[in-house]
Amino acid sequence: MTTLLRSTLCATALTLVLSGCTTLLRQPPPVGAPLAAVTAQLGQPNAVYPDPAGGQVLEYRGQPMGQFQYMARIGPDGRLVAYDQVLTSENFAKVKVDRWTKDDILRNFGRPAEVSRVYAHDYEVWSYRYKEAGVWNSMMNVHFDAQGVVRQMLNGPDPLYDDRFRRR
C-alpha cells in the first residue's frame, strides 16, 4: 500500500470517527428550548418523525456503526421535552410485541444499523447496535411481519465486535 493511499485511508477513517463523535460531544439544549434553538445547537436532524400526540421527534443518528442514537422530542408547543440516547436495554424493554409498528419503532429508536429478512417467517428485521446493560456489545433485532407489526425481539452479540464472527 502506498504512503499516499495509507494517508488518505487514515484521514477518511479519522473523519468518520470524529463526525460520529460530534453527536456525543454536543451539549443538549435545556428542556423547554424552542425548536429553532434545538436545531441551532444540535444541528439539523437526520430524520424527523411526527408524534401522534402532537409535536415531533428528531433523530440524531449514531447508527450504523455507533452504539447510540439520540432523539429530541419536541412537544406540540414547539419546545424541547426531552433529549435522550435511546438505544438502551430499558427502552427496548418498553416495546410491545404484537402491538407496536414500524412507525412506533422509528419514533422511539430511529433508523436501524442494518435491515435483513427471515424468509421462513417472511419477517423484515431491523437491527440496532447498542451496549446491553451499558456493558456488552449487542444487537437488538426487531422482527416485523408483512403488515409492519413487531412480532419478535431478539438480542444477541454484535458480530462487529465479537471475534467468533470474524473470518480467520
C-alpha atoms as a PDB file:
ATOM      1  CA  MET A   1       0.000   0.000   0.000  1.00  0.00           C
ATOM      2  CA  THR A   2       1.433   3.370  -0.975  1.00  0.00           C
ATOM      3  CA  THR A   3       2.023   6.080   1.566  1.00  0.00           C
ATOM      4  CA  LEU A   4      -0.484   8.368  -0.176  1.00  0.00           C
ATOM      5  CA  LEU A   5      -3.195   5.684  -0.123  1.00  0.00           C
ATOM      6  CA  ARG A   6      -2.459   4.864   3.520  1.00  0.00           C
ATOM      7  CA  SER A   7      -2.611   8.564   4.457  1.00  0.00           C
ATOM      8  CA  THR A   8      -5.882   9.001   2.573  1.00  0.00           C
ATOM      9  CA  LEU A   9      -7.427   5.964   4.290  1.00  0.00           C
ATOM     10  CA  CYS A  10      -6.297   7.175   7.723  1.00  0.00           C
ATOM     11  CA  ALA A  11      -7.680  10.665   7.080  1.00  0.00           C
ATOM     12  CA  THR A  12     -11.005   9.228   5.905  1.00  0.00           C
ATOM     13  CA  ALA A  13     -11.249   6.931   8.939  1.00  0.00           C
ATOM     14  CA  LEU A  14     -10.437   9.802  11.294  1.00  0.00           C
ATOM     15  CA  THR A  15     -13.079  11.996   9.659  1.00  0.00           C
ATOM     16  CA  LEU A  16     -15.703   9.267  10.060  1.00  0.00           C
ATOM     17  CA  VAL A  17     -14.777   8.686  13.696  1.00  0.00           C
ATOM     18  CA  LEU A  18     -14.816  12.374  14.542  1.00  0.00           C
ATOM     19  CA  SER A  19     -18.096  13.014  12.721  1.00  0.00           C
ATOM     20  CA  GLY A  20     -19.672  10.241  14.814  1.00  0.00           C
ATOM     21  CA  CYS A  21     -18.303  11.847  17.961  1.00  0.00           C
ATOM     22  CA  THR A  22     -19.914  15.195  17.259  1.00  0.00           C
ATOM     23  CA  THR A  23     -23.245  13.793  18.440  1.00  0.00           C
ATOM     24  CA  LEU A  24     -21.578  12.650  21.641  1.00  0.00           C
ATOM     25  CA  LEU A  25     -19.861  15.985  22.194  1.00  0.00           C
ATOM     26  CA  ARG A  26     -22.922  18.166  21.623  1.00  0.00           C
ATOM     27  CA  GLN A  27     -24.240  19.845  24.710  1.00  0.00           C
ATOM     28  CA  PRO A  28     -28.007  19.256  24.802  1.00  0.00           C
ATOM     29  CA  PRO A  29     -30.189  22.326  24.934  1.00  0.00           C
ATOM     30  CA  PRO A  30     -32.283  22.828  28.083  1.00  0.00           C
ATOM     31  CA  VAL A  31     -35.757  21.312  28.300  1.00  0.00           C
ATOM     32  CA  GLY A  32     -38.217  23.941  27.123  1.00  0.00           C
ATOM     33  CA  ALA A  33     -35.895  25.340  24.444  1.00  0.00           C
ATOM     34  CA  PRO A  34     -37.727  26.242  21.207  1.00  0.00           C
ATOM     35  CA  LEU A  35     -37.213  24.072  18.117  1.00  0.00           C
ATOM     36  CA  ALA A  36     -35.047  26.733  16.442  1.00  0.00           C
ATOM     37  CA  ALA A  37     -32.665  26.727  19.428  1.00  0.00           C
ATOM     38  CA  VAL A  38     -32.548  22.919  19.431  1.00  0.00           C
ATOM     39  CA  THR A  39     -31.527  22.713  15.768  1.00  0.00           C
ATOM     40  CA  ALA A  40     -29.123  25.650  16.176  1.00  0.00           C
ATOM     41  CA  GLN A  41     -27.372  23.819  18.997  1.00  0.00           C
ATOM     42  CA  LEU A  42     -27.596  20.208  17.768  1.00  0.00           C
ATOM     43  CA  GLY A  43     -27.630  20.776  14.014  1.00  0.00           C
ATOM     44  CA  GLN A  44     -30.177  19.536  11.538  1.00  0.00           C
ATOM     45  CA  PRO A  45     -31.583  16.128  12.474  1.00  0.00           C
ATOM     46  CA  ASN A  46     -31.010  13.090  10.278  1.00  0.00           C
ATOM     47  CA  ALA A  47     -34.757  12.375  10.269  1.00  0.00           C
ATOM     48  CA  VAL A  48     -37.963  13.836  11.696  1.00  0.00           C
ATOM     49  CA  TYR A  49     -40.967  11.755  12.776  1.00  0.00           C
ATOM     50  CA  PRO A  50     -44.434  13.048  13.644  1.00  0.00           C
ATOM     51  CA  ASP A  51     -45.592  12.341  17.191  1.00  0.00           C
ATOM     52  CA  PRO A  52     -49.228  11.127  17.347  1.00  0.00           C
ATOM     53  CA  ALA A  53     -49.721  13.245  20.493  1.00  0.00           C
ATOM     54  CA  GLY A  54     -48.616  16.332  18.545  1.00  0.00           C
ATOM     55  CA  GLY A  55     -45.136  17.642  18.097  1.00  0.00           C
ATOM     56  CA  GLN A  56     -42.296  15.718  16.515  1.00  0.00           C
ATOM     57  CA  VAL A  57     -39.279  13.546  17.209  1.00  0.00           C
ATOM     58  CA  LEU A  58     -35.867  14.496  15.785  1.00  0.00           C
ATOM     59  CA  GLU A  59     -33.357  11.719  15.131  1.00  0.00           C
ATOM     60  CA  TYR A  60     -29.647  12.372  15.628  1.00  0.00           C
ATOM     61  CA  ARG A  61     -28.164   9.239  14.121  1.00  0.00           C
ATOM     62  CA  GLY A  62     -25.383   7.174  15.650  1.00  0.00           C
ATOM     63  CA  GLN A  63     -26.136   4.025  13.649  1.00  0.00           C
ATOM     64  CA  PRO A  64     -24.897   2.132  11.652  1.00  0.00           C
ATOM     65  CA  MET A  65     -21.501   1.890  13.361  1.00  0.00           C
ATOM     66  CA  GLY A  66     -22.117   3.618  16.688  1.00  0.00           C
ATOM     67  CA  GLN A  67     -23.895   2.086  19.663  1.00  0.00           C
ATOM     68  CA  PHE A  68     -26.030   5.144  20.311  1.00  0.00           C
ATOM     69  CA  GLN A  69     -28.851   7.138  18.789  1.00  0.00           C
ATOM     70  CA  TYR A  70     -30.176  10.411  20.198  1.00  0.00           C
ATOM     71  CA  MET A  71     -33.768  11.556  19.875  1.00  0.00           C
ATOM     72  CA  ALA A  72     -35.029  15.058  20.636  1.00  0.00           C
ATOM     73  CA  ARG A  73     -38.740  15.093  21.477  1.00  0.00           C
ATOM     74  CA  ILE A  74     -40.460  18.344  20.590  1.00  0.00           C
ATOM     75  CA  GLY A  75     -43.881  18.980  22.122  1.00  0.00           C
ATOM     76  CA  PRO A  76     -46.965  20.360  20.342  1.00  0.00           C
ATOM     77  CA  ASP A  77     -45.905  23.818  21.578  1.00  0.00           C
ATOM     78  CA  GLY A  78     -42.652  23.560  19.551  1.00  0.00           C
ATOM     79  CA  ARG A  79     -40.426  23.222  22.626  1.00  0.00           C
ATOM     80  CA  LEU A  80     -37.948  20.523  23.679  1.00  0.00           C
ATOM     81  CA  VAL A  81     -39.478  17.932  26.002  1.00  0.00           C
ATOM     82  CA  ALA A  82     -36.501  15.516  26.162  1.00  0.00           C
ATOM     83  CA  TYR A  83     -33.182  14.715  24.511  1.00  0.00           C
ATOM     84  CA  ASP A  84     -32.029  11.146  25.172  1.00  0.00           C
ATOM     85  CA  GLN A  85     -29.727   8.384  24.000  1.00  0.00           C
ATOM     86  CA  VAL A  86     -32.461   5.854  23.221  1.00  0.00           C
ATOM     87  CA  LEU A  87     -30.621   2.595  22.499  1.00  0.00           C
ATOM     88  CA  THR A  88     -30.771   1.094  25.981  1.00  0.00           C
ATOM     89  CA  SER A  89     -31.974  -2.172  27.486  1.00  0.00           C
ATOM     90  CA  GLU A  90     -34.623  -0.249  29.432  1.00  0.00           C
ATOM     91  CA  ASN A  91     -36.038   1.380  26.294  1.00  0.00           C
ATOM     92  CA  PHE A  92     -36.052  -1.857  24.295  1.00  0.00           C
ATOM     93  CA  ALA A  93     -38.000  -3.464  27.167  1.00  0.00           C
ATOM     94  CA  LYS A  94     -40.834  -0.956  26.533  1.00  0.00           C
ATOM     95  CA  VAL A  95     -41.558  -2.353  23.050  1.00  0.00           C
ATOM     96  CA  LYS A  96     -44.944  -4.079  22.924  1.00  0.00           C
ATOM     97  CA  VAL A  97     -44.696  -7.187  20.731  1.00  0.00           C
ATOM     98  CA  ASP A  98     -47.825  -7.727  18.588  1.00  0.00           C
ATOM     99  CA  ARG A  99     -48.833  -4.061  19.065  1.00  0.00           C
ATOM    100  CA  TRP A 100     -46.004  -1.745  18.037  1.00  0.00           C
ATOM    101  CA  THR A 101     -45.416  -0.989  14.357  1.00  0.00           C
ATOM    102  CA  LYS A 102     -42.500   0.232  12.273  1.00  0.00           C
ATOM    103  CA  ASP A 103     -43.667   3.802  12.933  1.00  0.00           C
ATOM    104  CA  ASP A 104     -43.524   3.216  16.704  1.00  0.00           C
ATOM    105  CA  ILE A 105     -40.016   1.781  16.422  1.00  0.00           C
ATOM    106  CA  LEU A 106     -38.843   4.692  14.248  1.00  0.00           C
ATOM    107  CA  ARG A 107     -40.264   7.264  16.690  1.00  0.00           C
ATOM    108  CA  ASN A 108     -38.609   5.566  19.647  1.00  0.00           C
ATOM    109  CA  PHE A 109     -35.292   4.350  18.218  1.00  0.00           C
ATOM    110  CA  GLY A 110     -34.766   5.915  14.795  1.00  0.00           C
ATOM    111  CA  ARG A 111     -33.439   4.084  11.774  1.00  0.00           C
ATOM    112  CA  PRO A 112     -31.612   0.783  12.339  1.00  0.00           C
ATOM    113  CA  ALA A 113     -27.983  -0.075  11.697  1.00  0.00           C
ATOM    114  CA  GLU A 114     -28.983  -2.967   9.427  1.00  0.00           C
ATOM    115  CA  VAL A 115     -32.073  -4.340   7.699  1.00  0.00           C
ATOM    116  CA  SER A 116     -32.360  -8.022   6.806  1.00  0.00           C
ATOM    117  CA  ARG A 117     -35.006 -10.717   6.265  1.00  0.00           C
ATOM    118  CA  VAL A 118     -36.039 -14.008   7.806  1.00  0.00           C
ATOM    119  CA  TYR A 119     -37.608 -15.766   4.842  1.00  0.00           C
ATOM    120  CA  ALA A 120     -39.006 -18.719   6.817  1.00  0.00           C
ATOM    121  CA  HIS A 121     -41.434 -16.336   8.578  1.00  0.00           C
ATOM    122  CA  ASP A 122     -41.460 -13.560   5.969  1.00  0.00           C
ATOM    123  CA  TYR A 123     -40.127 -11.146   8.607  1.00  0.00           C
ATOM    124  CA  GLU A 124     -38.192  -7.965   7.999  1.00  0.00           C
ATOM    125  CA  VAL A 125     -35.572  -7.481  10.705  1.00  0.00           C
ATOM    126  CA  TRP A 126     -34.231  -4.143  11.898  1.00  0.00           C
ATOM    127  CA  SER A 127     -31.008  -4.437  13.913  1.00  0.00           C
ATOM    128  CA  TYR A 128     -29.671  -1.831  16.336  1.00  0.00           C
ATOM    129  CA  ARG A 129     -26.133  -1.802  17.765  1.00  0.00           C
ATOM    130  CA  TYR A 130     -26.043  -0.904  21.451  1.00  0.00           C
ATOM    131  CA  LYS A 131     -24.343  -1.586  24.771  1.00  0.00           C
ATOM    132  CA  GLU A 132     -26.603  -4.021  26.611  1.00  0.00           C
ATOM    133  CA  ALA A 133     -26.774  -3.039  30.276  1.00  0.00           C
ATOM    134  CA  GLY A 134     -24.145  -0.445  29.366  1.00  0.00           C
ATOM    135  CA  VAL A 135     -21.536  -3.228  29.094  1.00  0.00           C
ATOM    136  CA  TRP A 136     -21.973  -5.828  26.308  1.00  0.00           C
ATOM    137  CA  ASN A 137     -21.626  -5.120  22.590  1.00  0.00           C
ATOM    138  CA  SER A 138     -25.046  -6.256  21.420  1.00  0.00           C
ATOM    139  CA  MET A 139     -27.549  -6.146  18.567  1.00  0.00           C
ATOM    140  CA  MET A 140     -31.267  -5.835  19.207  1.00  0.00           C
ATOM    141  CA  ASN A 141     -33.145  -7.427  16.327  1.00  0.00           C
ATOM    142  CA  VAL A 142     -36.733  -6.273  15.847  1.00  0.00           C
ATOM    143  CA  HIS A 143     -38.773  -8.644  13.643  1.00  0.00           C
ATOM    144  CA  PHE A 144     -41.747  -7.249  11.682  1.00  0.00           C
ATOM    145  CA  ASP A 145     -44.427  -9.204   9.850  1.00  0.00           C
ATOM    146  CA  ALA A 146     -45.669  -8.235   6.370  1.00  0.00           C
ATOM    147  CA  GLN A 147     -48.071  -5.686   7.925  1.00  0.00           C
ATOM    148  CA  GLY A 148     -45.191  -3.949   9.735  1.00  0.00           C
ATOM    149  CA  VAL A 149     -46.172  -5.157  13.230  1.00  0.00           C
ATOM    150  CA  VAL A 150     -43.442  -6.178  15.719  1.00  0.00           C
ATOM    151  CA  ARG A 151     -43.674  -9.956  16.159  1.00  0.00           C
ATOM    152  CA  GLN A 152     -40.431 -10.720  17.936  1.00  0.00           C
ATOM    153  CA  MET A 153     -37.402  -9.089  19.548  1.00  0.00           C
ATOM    154  CA  LEU A 154     -34.150 -10.993  19.797  1.00  0.00           C
ATOM    155  CA  ASN A 155     -30.958  -9.797  21.403  1.00  0.00           C
ATOM    156  CA  GLY A 156     -27.533 -11.193  20.655  1.00  0.00           C
ATOM    157  CA  PRO A 157     -23.848 -10.349  20.371  1.00  0.00           C
ATOM    158  CA  ASP A 158     -22.862  -7.761  17.790  1.00  0.00           C
ATOM    159  CA  PRO A 159     -20.825  -9.594  15.127  1.00  0.00           C
ATOM    160  CA  LEU A 160     -18.864  -6.400  14.501  1.00  0.00           C
ATOM    161  CA  TYR A 161     -17.287  -6.696  17.962  1.00  0.00           C
ATOM    162  CA  ASP A 162     -17.380 -10.469  18.527  1.00  0.00           C
ATOM    163  CA  ASP A 163     -14.295 -12.476  17.458  1.00  0.00           C
ATOM    164  CA  ARG A 164     -16.440 -15.604  16.900  1.00  0.00           C
ATOM    165  CA  PHE A 165     -17.909 -13.940  13.790  1.00  0.00           C
ATOM    166  CA  ARG A 166     -14.605 -12.888  12.234  1.00  0.00           C
ATOM    167  CA  ARG A 167     -13.012 -14.852   9.435  1.00  0.00           C
ATOM    168  CA  ARG A 168      -9.694 -16.361  10.269  1.00  0.00           C
END
